[in-house]
Amino acid sequence: MKNIEELVSKEIVAFLPFYIEGNSTKVITNKQNEEYIYKSIKTFITLLSKYFMVDLNSSRQYYGKIIGSTNIVPLPFNKDNIFVPLKVRKAISKNDGSFGYFNIGFIKDIIEKNKKVYVLLKKGDCIEVLQGIETAKKNLRNGYIVKQAYFKRVGVNIMEEQEIYGELNKPATKGDIVALRNELLDIKINLLKSSSSSV
């Protein structure tokens, strides 16, 4: 199997569940197009979390509360590796996994064409998503919310709100709505910190 450190050094753009010699994972990197890992996507995520020293359960619980979701939660491993889950296949077996994970930093847009939805990557790849356009974009927005929360939590400077929405290909929002959204996010984070410290 490919060394995780080697894959990370090539900049992981996305990793997707893939049927090849069983239930495997296709890894798309920025410096080399595709590589195949003969492990399930669940196992690959576990290997990534060990490499980045991230507690997956705690991360999903913490960020899941912020976005109001318990199942489809973005994975922030570090500031350069924050992945958004999007459905990319119909699983044959119950535990095969149907969601692929896309690095926010390499997503150009999500579009609909001929009644199909696609993720456009900055490196030129176009990958079909088996979700409606609104659901896919909602998952991407959740990814940016998690990114913002992660940056605040670890003390990294947060990108300007207009830049965040620009990446989502959205028109600029009114200043009062942006301010309110920031305040609500701060309240959620402070409440989570308070509840954690009181346990």
N, C-alpha and C. Protein backbone atom coordinates (compact mmCIF):
# COMPACT_ATOMS: atom_id res chain seq x y z
N MET A 1 0.83 -1.20 0.00
CA MET A 1 0.00 0.00 0.00
C MET A 1 0.87 1.25 0.00
N LYS A 2 0.39 2.31 -0.67
CA LYS A 2 1.12 3.56 -0.71
C LYS A 2 1.28 4.13 0.70
N ASN A 3 2.43 4.73 0.95
CA ASN A 3 2.68 5.37 2.22
C ASN A 3 1.79 6.62 2.33
N ILE A 4 1.10 6.78 3.48
CA ILE A 4 0.20 7.91 3.66
C ILE A 4 0.95 9.24 3.55
N GLU A 5 2.13 9.29 4.14
CA GLU A 5 2.93 10.52 4.08
C GLU A 5 3.25 10.90 2.63
N GLU A 6 3.51 9.90 1.81
CA GLU A 6 3.81 10.14 0.39
C GLU A 6 2.60 10.72 -0.32
N LEU A 7 1.41 10.17 -0.03
CA LEU A 7 0.19 10.68 -0.65
C LEU A 7 -0.09 12.11 -0.21
N VAL A 8 0.07 12.39 1.07
CA VAL A 8 -0.17 13.73 1.60
C VAL A 8 0.79 14.74 0.96
N SER A 9 2.03 14.32 0.76
CA SER A 9 3.03 15.21 0.16
C SER A 9 2.68 15.56 -1.29
N LYS A 10 1.90 14.69 -1.94
CA LYS A 10 1.46 14.96 -3.32
C LYS A 10 0.19 15.80 -3.37
N GLU A 11 -0.32 16.19 -2.20
CA GLU A 11 -1.52 17.01 -2.05
C GLU A 11 -2.77 16.24 -2.48
N ILE A 12 -3.46 15.67 -1.52
CA ILE A 12 -4.67 14.89 -1.80
C ILE A 12 -5.80 15.83 -2.19
N VAL A 13 -6.31 15.65 -3.39
CA VAL A 13 -7.41 16.45 -3.92
C VAL A 13 -8.75 15.82 -3.55
N ALA A 14 -8.82 14.49 -3.65
CA ALA A 14 -10.04 13.76 -3.32
C ALA A 14 -9.70 12.29 -3.13
N PHE A 15 -10.53 11.59 -2.36
CA PHE A 15 -10.43 10.13 -2.30
C PHE A 15 -11.84 9.55 -2.35
N LEU A 16 -12.00 8.53 -3.21
CA LEU A 16 -13.32 8.04 -3.56
C LEU A 16 -13.40 6.53 -3.41
N PRO A 17 -14.55 6.01 -2.95
CA PRO A 17 -14.72 4.56 -2.91
C PRO A 17 -14.75 4.01 -4.33
N PHE A 18 -14.13 2.85 -4.53
CA PHE A 18 -13.97 2.35 -5.90
C PHE A 18 -13.90 0.83 -5.87
N TYR A 19 -14.64 0.18 -6.78
CA TYR A 19 -14.59 -1.28 -6.86
C TYR A 19 -13.49 -1.71 -7.82
N ILE A 20 -12.38 -2.17 -7.27
CA ILE A 20 -11.29 -2.73 -8.05
C ILE A 20 -10.54 -3.70 -7.12
N GLU A 21 -10.50 -4.94 -7.48
CA GLU A 21 -9.96 -5.98 -6.60
C GLU A 21 -10.62 -5.89 -5.22
N GLY A 22 -11.94 -5.78 -5.25
CA GLY A 22 -12.69 -5.65 -4.00
C GLY A 22 -13.03 -4.20 -3.74
N ASN A 23 -13.33 -3.90 -2.51
CA ASN A 23 -13.73 -2.55 -2.11
C ASN A 23 -12.49 -1.71 -1.83
N SER A 24 -12.14 -0.84 -2.75
CA SER A 24 -10.89 -0.09 -2.67
C SER A 24 -11.14 1.41 -2.65
N THR A 25 -10.05 2.19 -2.70
CA THR A 25 -10.14 3.65 -2.66
C THR A 25 -9.30 4.25 -3.77
N LYS A 26 -9.91 5.14 -4.55
CA LYS A 26 -9.16 5.88 -5.57
C LYS A 26 -8.76 7.23 -4.98
N VAL A 27 -7.46 7.51 -5.02
CA VAL A 27 -6.94 8.77 -4.47
C VAL A 27 -6.48 9.65 -5.63
N ILE A 28 -7.04 10.85 -5.71
CA ILE A 28 -6.62 11.83 -6.72
C ILE A 28 -5.71 12.84 -6.03
N THR A 29 -4.50 12.99 -6.54
CA THR A 29 -3.57 13.96 -5.96
C THR A 29 -3.28 15.08 -6.95
N ASN A 30 -2.76 16.17 -6.44
CA ASN A 30 -2.49 17.33 -7.28
C ASN A 30 -1.23 17.16 -8.12
N LYS A 31 -0.31 16.33 -7.63
CA LYS A 31 0.97 16.17 -8.32
C LYS A 31 1.06 14.90 -9.15
N GLN A 32 0.03 14.06 -9.00
CA GLN A 32 -0.05 12.84 -9.81
C GLN A 32 -1.53 12.51 -9.91
N ASN A 33 -2.00 12.11 -11.06
CA ASN A 33 -3.44 12.07 -11.26
C ASN A 33 -4.19 11.12 -10.33
N GLU A 34 -4.02 9.81 -10.50
CA GLU A 34 -4.80 8.84 -9.71
C GLU A 34 -3.91 7.73 -9.17
N GLU A 35 -4.22 7.31 -7.95
CA GLU A 35 -3.57 6.15 -7.36
C GLU A 35 -4.64 5.32 -6.68
N TYR A 36 -4.42 4.01 -6.63
CA TYR A 36 -5.42 3.12 -6.05
C TYR A 36 -4.88 2.46 -4.80
N ILE A 37 -5.69 2.53 -3.76
CA ILE A 37 -5.35 1.92 -2.47
C ILE A 37 -6.30 0.75 -2.26
N TYR A 38 -5.75 -0.42 -2.06
CA TYR A 38 -6.60 -1.61 -1.94
C TYR A 38 -7.09 -1.81 -0.51
N LYS A 39 -7.71 -0.75 -0.03
CA LYS A 39 -8.35 -0.71 1.29
C LYS A 39 -9.68 0.01 1.12
N SER A 40 -10.65 -0.29 1.97
CA SER A 40 -11.93 0.42 1.90
C SER A 40 -11.73 1.88 2.26
N ILE A 41 -12.68 2.71 1.86
CA ILE A 41 -12.55 4.14 2.16
C ILE A 41 -12.60 4.39 3.66
N LYS A 42 -13.34 3.58 4.39
CA LYS A 42 -13.40 3.71 5.85
C LYS A 42 -12.02 3.46 6.45
N THR A 43 -11.33 2.43 5.97
CA THR A 43 -9.98 2.13 6.46
C THR A 43 -9.02 3.25 6.07
N PHE A 44 -9.16 3.78 4.86
CA PHE A 44 -8.28 4.86 4.40
C PHE A 44 -8.45 6.11 5.27
N ILE A 45 -9.69 6.43 5.63
CA ILE A 45 -9.95 7.57 6.51
C ILE A 45 -9.31 7.35 7.87
N THR A 46 -9.39 6.13 8.38
CA THR A 46 -8.76 5.80 9.66
C THR A 46 -7.25 6.00 9.58
N LEU A 47 -6.64 5.57 8.47
CA LEU A 47 -5.20 5.75 8.29
C LEU A 47 -4.82 7.23 8.23
N LEU A 48 -5.63 8.02 7.54
CA LEU A 48 -5.38 9.46 7.48
C LEU A 48 -5.49 10.10 8.86
N SER A 49 -6.50 9.70 9.61
CA SER A 49 -6.70 10.28 10.95
C SER A 49 -5.53 9.94 11.87
N LYS A 50 -4.99 8.74 11.73
CA LYS A 50 -3.82 8.36 12.54
C LYS A 50 -2.60 9.18 12.13
N TYR A 51 -2.44 9.40 10.83
CA TYR A 51 -1.30 10.18 10.34
C TYR A 51 -1.36 11.62 10.87
N PHE A 52 -2.56 12.21 10.82
CA PHE A 52 -2.72 13.60 11.27
C PHE A 52 -2.98 13.69 12.78
N MET A 53 -3.07 12.53 13.44
CA MET A 53 -3.32 12.46 14.89
C MET A 53 -4.64 13.16 15.26
N VAL A 54 -5.69 12.79 14.54
CA VAL A 54 -7.02 13.35 14.75
C VAL A 54 -7.95 12.26 15.29
N ASP A 55 -8.69 12.58 16.34
CA ASP A 55 -9.69 11.66 16.88
C ASP A 55 -10.96 11.83 16.04
N LEU A 56 -11.24 10.86 15.19
CA LEU A 56 -12.37 10.97 14.25
C LEU A 56 -13.71 11.13 14.95
N ASN A 57 -13.95 10.33 15.98
CA ASN A 57 -15.24 10.39 16.67
C ASN A 57 -15.47 11.75 17.31
N SER A 58 -14.44 12.26 17.98
CA SER A 58 -14.56 13.57 18.64
C SER A 58 -14.73 14.68 17.61
N SER A 59 -13.99 14.57 16.50
CA SER A 59 -14.08 15.58 15.45
C SER A 59 -15.48 15.62 14.84
N ARG A 60 -16.02 14.45 14.52
CA ARG A 60 -17.36 14.39 13.92
C ARG A 60 -18.42 14.90 14.88
N GLN A 61 -18.25 14.57 16.15
CA GLN A 61 -19.22 15.03 17.14
C GLN A 61 -19.17 16.55 17.30
N TYR A 62 -17.97 17.09 17.40
CA TYR A 62 -17.79 18.53 17.61
C TYR A 62 -18.31 19.34 16.42
N TYR A 63 -17.83 19.00 15.22
CA TYR A 63 -18.22 19.78 14.05
C TYR A 63 -19.63 19.44 13.58
N GLY A 64 -20.09 18.23 13.90
CA GLY A 64 -21.46 17.86 13.59
C GLY A 64 -22.46 18.73 14.32
N LYS A 65 -22.15 19.08 15.57
CA LYS A 65 -23.03 19.96 16.35
C LYS A 65 -23.06 21.36 15.75
N ILE A 66 -21.94 21.80 15.23
CA ILE A 66 -21.86 23.15 14.65
C ILE A 66 -22.71 23.26 13.39
N ILE A 67 -22.67 22.24 12.54
CA ILE A 67 -23.43 22.30 11.28
C ILE A 67 -24.82 21.67 11.40
N GLY A 68 -25.11 21.06 12.55
CA GLY A 68 -26.42 20.46 12.76
C GLY A 68 -26.62 19.16 12.01
N SER A 69 -25.55 18.38 11.88
CA SER A 69 -25.63 17.09 11.18
C SER A 69 -24.83 16.05 11.96
N THR A 70 -25.34 14.85 12.00
CA THR A 70 -24.64 13.79 12.74
C THR A 70 -23.99 12.77 11.80
N ASN A 71 -24.40 12.74 10.56
CA ASN A 71 -23.90 11.71 9.64
C ASN A 71 -22.90 12.24 8.61
N ILE A 72 -23.30 13.25 7.86
CA ILE A 72 -22.46 13.75 6.77
C ILE A 72 -21.68 14.96 7.27
N VAL A 73 -20.53 14.69 7.88
CA VAL A 73 -19.73 15.74 8.52
C VAL A 73 -18.39 15.87 7.81
N PRO A 74 -18.00 17.07 7.39
CA PRO A 74 -16.68 17.27 6.79
C PRO A 74 -15.56 16.84 7.73
N LEU A 75 -14.42 16.49 7.16
CA LEU A 75 -13.28 16.01 7.94
C LEU A 75 -12.13 17.02 7.87
N PRO A 76 -11.88 17.76 8.97
CA PRO A 76 -10.74 18.67 8.99
C PRO A 76 -9.52 17.99 9.62
N PHE A 77 -8.54 17.63 8.80
CA PHE A 77 -7.32 17.01 9.33
C PHE A 77 -6.29 18.07 9.70
N ASN A 78 -6.13 19.08 8.85
CA ASN A 78 -5.35 20.28 9.18
C ASN A 78 -5.83 21.39 8.25
N LYS A 79 -5.20 22.56 8.29
CA LYS A 79 -5.73 23.70 7.53
C LYS A 79 -5.71 23.48 6.02
N ASP A 80 -4.85 22.60 5.54
CA ASP A 80 -4.75 22.34 4.10
C ASP A 80 -5.48 21.08 3.67
N ASN A 81 -6.02 20.35 4.62
CA ASN A 81 -6.69 19.08 4.31
C ASN A 81 -8.03 18.99 5.03
N ILE A 82 -8.99 19.73 4.48
CA ILE A 82 -10.36 19.71 4.99
C ILE A 82 -11.24 19.15 3.87
N PHE A 83 -11.88 18.01 4.16
CA PHE A 83 -12.57 17.25 3.11
C PHE A 83 -14.08 17.26 3.30
N VAL A 84 -14.78 17.47 2.18
CA VAL A 84 -16.25 17.49 2.15
C VAL A 84 -16.77 16.18 1.59
N PRO A 85 -17.71 15.52 2.30
CA PRO A 85 -18.28 14.27 1.78
C PRO A 85 -19.39 14.52 0.76
N LEU A 86 -19.31 13.84 -0.38
CA LEU A 86 -20.34 13.90 -1.42
C LEU A 86 -20.56 12.49 -1.96
N LYS A 87 -21.81 12.14 -2.22
CA LYS A 87 -22.13 10.79 -2.67
C LYS A 87 -21.67 10.60 -4.12
N VAL A 88 -20.86 9.57 -4.35
CA VAL A 88 -20.30 9.36 -5.69
C VAL A 88 -20.62 7.99 -6.29
N ARG A 89 -21.22 7.09 -5.51
CA ARG A 89 -21.56 5.78 -6.08
C ARG A 89 -22.70 5.15 -5.29
N LYS A 90 -23.32 4.15 -5.90
CA LYS A 90 -24.31 3.33 -5.21
C LYS A 90 -23.59 2.10 -4.69
N ALA A 91 -23.59 1.94 -3.38
CA ALA A 91 -22.86 0.82 -2.78
C ALA A 91 -23.57 -0.50 -3.08
N ILE A 92 -22.77 -1.52 -3.35
CA ILE A 92 -23.32 -2.86 -3.59
C ILE A 92 -23.72 -3.51 -2.27
N SER A 93 -22.84 -3.41 -1.30
CA SER A 93 -23.11 -3.96 0.03
C SER A 93 -23.33 -2.83 1.03
N LYS A 94 -23.96 -3.16 2.12
CA LYS A 94 -24.35 -2.19 3.14
C LYS A 94 -23.18 -1.37 3.66
N ASN A 95 -22.04 -2.01 3.90
CA ASN A 95 -20.91 -1.34 4.53
C ASN A 95 -19.83 -0.87 3.55
N ASP A 96 -20.16 -0.85 2.25
CA ASP A 96 -19.15 -0.49 1.25
C ASP A 96 -18.79 1.00 1.25
N GLY A 97 -19.73 1.84 1.59
CA GLY A 97 -19.47 3.28 1.56
C GLY A 97 -19.80 3.87 0.20
N SER A 98 -20.58 4.94 0.19
CA SER A 98 -20.98 5.56 -1.07
C SER A 98 -20.48 6.99 -1.21
N PHE A 99 -19.88 7.53 -0.15
CA PHE A 99 -19.43 8.92 -0.17
C PHE A 99 -17.94 9.02 -0.46
N GLY A 100 -17.60 9.94 -1.36
CA GLY A 100 -16.21 10.31 -1.58
C GLY A 100 -15.94 11.60 -0.82
N TYR A 101 -14.66 11.92 -0.64
CA TYR A 101 -14.28 13.11 0.13
C TYR A 101 -13.39 14.02 -0.72
N PHE A 102 -13.77 15.31 -0.78
CA PHE A 102 -13.11 16.27 -1.65
C PHE A 102 -12.47 17.39 -0.83
N ASN A 103 -11.21 17.66 -1.13
CA ASN A 103 -10.48 18.73 -0.45
C ASN A 103 -11.04 20.08 -0.88
N ILE A 104 -11.53 20.85 0.09
CA ILE A 104 -12.14 22.15 -0.21
C ILE A 104 -11.21 23.04 -1.04
N GLY A 105 -9.93 22.98 -0.74
CA GLY A 105 -8.98 23.85 -1.42
C GLY A 105 -8.83 23.58 -2.91
N PHE A 106 -9.33 22.43 -3.37
CA PHE A 106 -9.18 22.08 -4.78
C PHE A 106 -10.51 22.03 -5.53
N ILE A 107 -11.60 22.43 -4.87
CA ILE A 107 -12.91 22.45 -5.54
C ILE A 107 -13.10 23.79 -6.23
N LYS A 108 -13.39 23.74 -7.52
CA LYS A 108 -13.65 24.96 -8.29
C LYS A 108 -15.13 25.32 -8.24
N ASP A 109 -16.00 24.32 -8.41
CA ASP A 109 -17.44 24.60 -8.43
C ASP A 109 -18.20 23.28 -8.39
N ILE A 110 -19.49 23.38 -8.12
CA ILE A 110 -20.41 22.25 -8.27
C ILE A 110 -21.48 22.71 -9.26
N ILE A 111 -21.67 21.94 -10.33
CA ILE A 111 -22.58 22.37 -11.40
C ILE A 111 -23.59 21.27 -11.74
N GLU A 112 -24.63 21.67 -12.43
CA GLU A 112 -25.63 20.73 -12.95
C GLU A 112 -25.64 20.83 -14.46
N LYS A 113 -25.55 19.68 -15.13
CA LYS A 113 -25.55 19.65 -16.59
C LYS A 113 -26.28 18.40 -17.06
N ASN A 114 -27.25 18.59 -17.94
CA ASN A 114 -28.05 17.48 -18.46
C ASN A 114 -28.63 16.62 -17.34
N LYS A 115 -29.16 17.30 -16.32
CA LYS A 115 -29.81 16.66 -15.18
C LYS A 115 -28.86 15.82 -14.32
N LYS A 116 -27.57 16.05 -14.47
CA LYS A 116 -26.58 15.38 -13.62
C LYS A 116 -25.76 16.44 -12.90
N VAL A 117 -25.23 16.07 -11.74
CA VAL A 117 -24.47 17.00 -10.91
C VAL A 117 -23.00 16.60 -10.92
N TYR A 118 -22.13 17.59 -11.03
CA TYR A 118 -20.69 17.32 -11.11
C TYR A 118 -19.91 18.24 -10.17
N VAL A 119 -18.81 17.71 -9.64
CA VAL A 119 -17.82 18.52 -8.94
C VAL A 119 -16.72 18.86 -9.94
N LEU A 120 -16.45 20.15 -10.10
CA LEU A 120 -15.35 20.58 -10.96
C LEU A 120 -14.15 20.87 -10.06
N LEU A 121 -13.05 20.19 -10.32
CA LEU A 121 -11.83 20.41 -9.55
C LEU A 121 -10.93 21.41 -10.26
N LYS A 122 -10.14 22.13 -9.49
CA LYS A 122 -9.26 23.16 -10.05
C LYS A 122 -8.23 22.57 -11.01
N LYS A 123 -7.89 21.29 -10.81
CA LYS A 123 -6.90 20.66 -11.68
C LYS A 123 -7.50 20.14 -12.98
N GLY A 124 -8.83 20.35 -13.14
CA GLY A 124 -9.47 20.01 -14.41
C GLY A 124 -10.38 18.79 -14.39
N ASP A 125 -10.33 17.98 -13.34
CA ASP A 125 -11.18 16.80 -13.27
C ASP A 125 -12.64 17.20 -13.09
N CYS A 126 -13.53 16.36 -13.59
CA CYS A 126 -14.97 16.55 -13.45
C CYS A 126 -15.55 15.23 -12.96
N ILE A 127 -16.11 15.21 -11.75
CA ILE A 127 -16.56 13.97 -11.13
C ILE A 127 -18.05 14.05 -10.85
N GLU A 128 -18.79 13.04 -11.32
CA GLU A 128 -20.24 13.03 -11.11
C GLU A 128 -20.57 12.76 -9.65
N VAL A 129 -21.59 13.46 -9.18
CA VAL A 129 -22.07 13.31 -7.81
C VAL A 129 -23.51 12.81 -7.86
N LEU A 130 -23.82 11.81 -7.07
CA LEU A 130 -25.17 11.23 -7.08
C LEU A 130 -26.06 11.89 -6.03
N GLN A 131 -26.10 13.21 -6.09
CA GLN A 131 -26.94 14.02 -5.20
C GLN A 131 -27.52 15.16 -6.01
N GLY A 132 -28.62 15.73 -5.51
CA GLY A 132 -29.16 16.92 -6.15
C GLY A 132 -28.20 18.09 -5.98
N ILE A 133 -28.32 19.08 -6.85
CA ILE A 133 -27.42 20.23 -6.82
C ILE A 133 -27.50 20.97 -5.49
N GLU A 134 -28.70 21.13 -4.94
CA GLU A 134 -28.85 21.87 -3.69
C GLU A 134 -28.23 21.12 -2.52
N THR A 135 -28.42 19.80 -2.50
CA THR A 135 -27.83 18.99 -1.43
C THR A 135 -26.32 19.03 -1.50
N ALA A 136 -25.78 18.90 -2.70
CA ALA A 136 -24.32 18.92 -2.88
C ALA A 136 -23.75 20.26 -2.45
N LYS A 137 -24.41 21.35 -2.83
CA LYS A 137 -23.91 22.68 -2.45
C LYS A 137 -24.07 22.93 -0.95
N LYS A 138 -25.11 22.36 -0.36
CA LYS A 138 -25.26 22.47 1.09
C LYS A 138 -24.10 21.78 1.80
N ASN A 139 -23.73 20.60 1.31
CA ASN A 139 -22.59 19.89 1.91
C ASN A 139 -21.31 20.71 1.76
N LEU A 140 -21.15 21.37 0.62
CA LEU A 140 -19.97 22.21 0.42
C LEU A 140 -19.99 23.41 1.36
N ARG A 141 -21.16 24.03 1.52
CA ARG A 141 -21.26 25.16 2.46
C ARG A 141 -20.91 24.71 3.87
N ASN A 142 -21.38 23.52 4.25
CA ASN A 142 -21.03 22.98 5.56
C ASN A 142 -19.52 22.81 5.70
N GLY A 143 -18.88 22.45 4.60
CA GLY A 143 -17.43 22.33 4.60
C GLY A 143 -16.75 23.64 4.93
N TYR A 144 -17.26 24.74 4.36
CA TYR A 144 -16.67 26.05 4.64
C TYR A 144 -16.96 26.50 6.07
N ILE A 145 -18.12 26.14 6.60
CA ILE A 145 -18.43 26.45 7.99
C ILE A 145 -17.46 25.71 8.92
N VAL A 146 -17.23 24.42 8.62
CA VAL A 146 -16.29 23.63 9.42
C VAL A 146 -14.88 24.20 9.29
N LYS A 147 -14.51 24.62 8.09
CA LYS A 147 -13.19 25.22 7.89
C LYS A 147 -13.03 26.47 8.75
N GLN A 148 -14.05 27.31 8.75
CA GLN A 148 -14.01 28.53 9.54
C GLN A 148 -13.91 28.20 11.03
N ALA A 149 -14.72 27.24 11.48
CA ALA A 149 -14.70 26.84 12.89
C ALA A 149 -13.35 26.24 13.27
N TYR A 150 -12.78 25.45 12.36
CA TYR A 150 -11.47 24.84 12.62
C TYR A 150 -10.40 25.92 12.74
N PHE A 151 -10.42 26.90 11.84
CA PHE A 151 -9.44 27.98 11.88
C PHE A 151 -9.54 28.75 13.20
N LYS A 152 -10.77 29.02 13.64
CA LYS A 152 -10.95 29.73 14.91
C LYS A 152 -10.43 28.90 16.07
N ARG A 153 -10.70 27.61 16.00
CA ARG A 153 -10.32 26.74 17.11
C ARG A 153 -8.80 26.64 17.26
N VAL A 154 -8.09 26.57 16.15
CA VAL A 154 -6.63 26.40 16.22
C VAL A 154 -5.88 27.72 16.11
N GLY A 155 -6.62 28.83 15.97
CA GLY A 155 -5.98 30.13 15.98
C GLY A 155 -5.40 30.58 14.67
N VAL A 156 -5.90 30.03 13.56
CA VAL A 156 -5.44 30.47 12.24
C VAL A 156 -6.31 31.63 11.78
N ASN A 157 -5.73 32.61 11.10
CA ASN A 157 -6.51 33.73 10.59
C ASN A 157 -7.59 33.23 9.64
N ILE A 158 -8.79 33.74 9.81
CA ILE A 158 -9.93 33.31 9.00
C ILE A 158 -10.00 34.13 7.73
N MET A 159 -10.29 33.50 6.62
CA MET A 159 -10.46 34.23 5.36
C MET A 159 -11.68 35.13 5.44
N GLU A 160 -11.65 36.19 4.67
CA GLU A 160 -12.76 37.13 4.66
C GLU A 160 -14.04 36.43 4.20
N GLU A 161 -15.16 36.89 4.75
CA GLU A 161 -16.44 36.27 4.40
C GLU A 161 -16.71 36.32 2.90
N GLN A 162 -16.40 37.43 2.25
CA GLN A 162 -16.66 37.54 0.81
C GLN A 162 -15.84 36.52 0.04
N GLU A 163 -14.65 36.20 0.54
CA GLU A 163 -13.81 35.21 -0.12
C GLU A 163 -14.43 33.83 0.01
N ILE A 164 -14.97 33.54 1.19
CA ILE A 164 -15.63 32.25 1.40
C ILE A 164 -16.80 32.09 0.43
N TYR A 165 -17.65 33.11 0.36
CA TYR A 165 -18.81 33.00 -0.51
C TYR A 165 -18.43 33.08 -1.98
N GLY A 166 -17.32 33.76 -2.26
CA GLY A 166 -16.83 33.79 -3.63
C GLY A 166 -16.45 32.42 -4.10
N GLU A 167 -15.84 31.61 -3.21
CA GLU A 167 -15.47 30.26 -3.56
C GLU A 167 -16.69 29.40 -3.82
N LEU A 168 -17.79 29.77 -3.21
CA LEU A 168 -19.04 29.03 -3.42
C LEU A 168 -19.79 29.54 -4.65
N ASN A 169 -19.18 30.53 -5.34
CA ASN A 169 -19.81 31.10 -6.53
C ASN A 169 -21.16 31.72 -6.21
N LYS A 170 -21.21 32.36 -5.03
CA LYS A 170 -22.44 33.00 -4.57
C LYS A 170 -22.29 34.52 -4.70
N PRO A 171 -23.41 35.25 -4.90
CA PRO A 171 -23.33 36.71 -4.87
C PRO A 171 -23.02 37.19 -3.45
N ALA A 172 -22.45 38.37 -3.32
CA ALA A 172 -22.07 38.91 -2.01
C ALA A 172 -23.31 39.06 -1.14
N THR A 173 -23.20 38.68 0.13
CA THR A 173 -24.32 38.80 1.07
C THR A 173 -24.27 40.15 1.75
N LYS A 174 -25.36 40.56 2.34
CA LYS A 174 -25.41 41.83 3.06
C LYS A 174 -24.60 41.73 4.34
N GLY A 175 -24.00 42.85 4.71
CA GLY A 175 -23.11 42.87 5.87
C GLY A 175 -23.77 42.44 7.16
N ASP A 176 -25.04 42.81 7.35
CA ASP A 176 -25.70 42.44 8.61
C ASP A 176 -25.94 40.94 8.70
N ILE A 177 -26.19 40.28 7.56
CA ILE A 177 -26.39 38.83 7.56
C ILE A 177 -25.08 38.12 7.87
N VAL A 178 -24.00 38.60 7.30
CA VAL A 178 -22.68 38.03 7.56
C VAL A 178 -22.32 38.17 9.03
N ALA A 179 -22.58 39.36 9.59
CA ALA A 179 -22.26 39.60 11.00
C ALA A 179 -23.06 38.68 11.90
N LEU A 180 -24.34 38.51 11.59
CA LEU A 180 -25.20 37.63 12.38
C LEU A 180 -24.72 36.19 12.32
N ARG A 181 -24.32 35.75 11.13
CA ARG A 181 -23.82 34.38 10.97
C ARG A 181 -22.56 34.16 11.81
N ASN A 182 -21.67 35.15 11.82
CA ASN A 182 -20.45 35.05 12.63
C ASN A 182 -20.77 34.95 14.11
N GLU A 183 -21.72 35.77 14.55
CA GLU A 183 -22.10 35.77 15.96
C GLU A 183 -22.69 34.42 16.37
N LEU A 184 -23.55 33.86 15.53
CA LEU A 184 -24.16 32.56 15.82
C LEU A 184 -23.10 31.47 15.90
N LEU A 185 -22.12 31.51 14.99
CA LEU A 185 -21.05 30.52 15.00
C LEU A 185 -20.22 30.64 16.27
N ASP A 186 -19.92 31.89 16.68
CA ASP A 186 -19.16 32.10 17.91
C ASP A 186 -19.91 31.57 19.13
N ILE A 187 -21.22 31.79 19.15
CA ILE A 187 -22.04 31.30 20.26
C ILE A 187 -22.00 29.79 20.32
N LYS A 188 -22.15 29.13 19.17
CA LYS A 188 -22.11 27.66 19.12
C LYS A 188 -20.79 27.12 19.65
N ILE A 189 -19.69 27.73 19.18
CA ILE A 189 -18.36 27.27 19.59
C ILE A 189 -18.17 27.47 21.09
N ASN A 190 -18.59 28.64 21.62
CA ASN A 190 -18.45 28.91 23.05
C ASN A 190 -19.29 27.97 23.89
N LEU A 191 -20.50 27.65 23.41
CA LEU A 191 -21.35 26.71 24.14
C LEU A 191 -20.73 25.32 24.18
N LEU A 192 -20.15 24.89 23.06
CA LEU A 192 -19.50 23.58 23.01
C LEU A 192 -18.30 23.54 23.95
N LYS A 193 -17.54 24.62 23.99
CA LYS A 193 -16.38 24.68 24.88
C LYS A 193 -16.82 24.63 26.34
N SER A 194 -17.93 25.36 26.65
CA SER A 194 -18.43 25.39 28.02
C SER A 194 -18.93 24.02 28.47
N SER A 195 -19.66 23.35 27.56
CA SER A 195 -20.20 22.03 27.91
C SER A 195 -19.08 21.01 28.08
N SER A 196 -18.01 21.15 27.27
CA SER A 196 -16.88 20.22 27.38
C SER A 196 -16.14 20.41 28.69
N SER A 197 -15.97 21.67 29.11
CA SER A 197 -15.21 21.94 30.33
C SER A 197 -15.98 21.59 31.59
N SER A 198 -17.33 21.54 31.47
CA SER A 198 -18.14 21.23 32.65
C SER A 198 -18.30 19.75 32.89
N VAL A 199 -17.90 18.92 31.90
CA VAL A 199 -18.03 17.45 32.04
C VAL A 199 -16.96 16.92 32.97
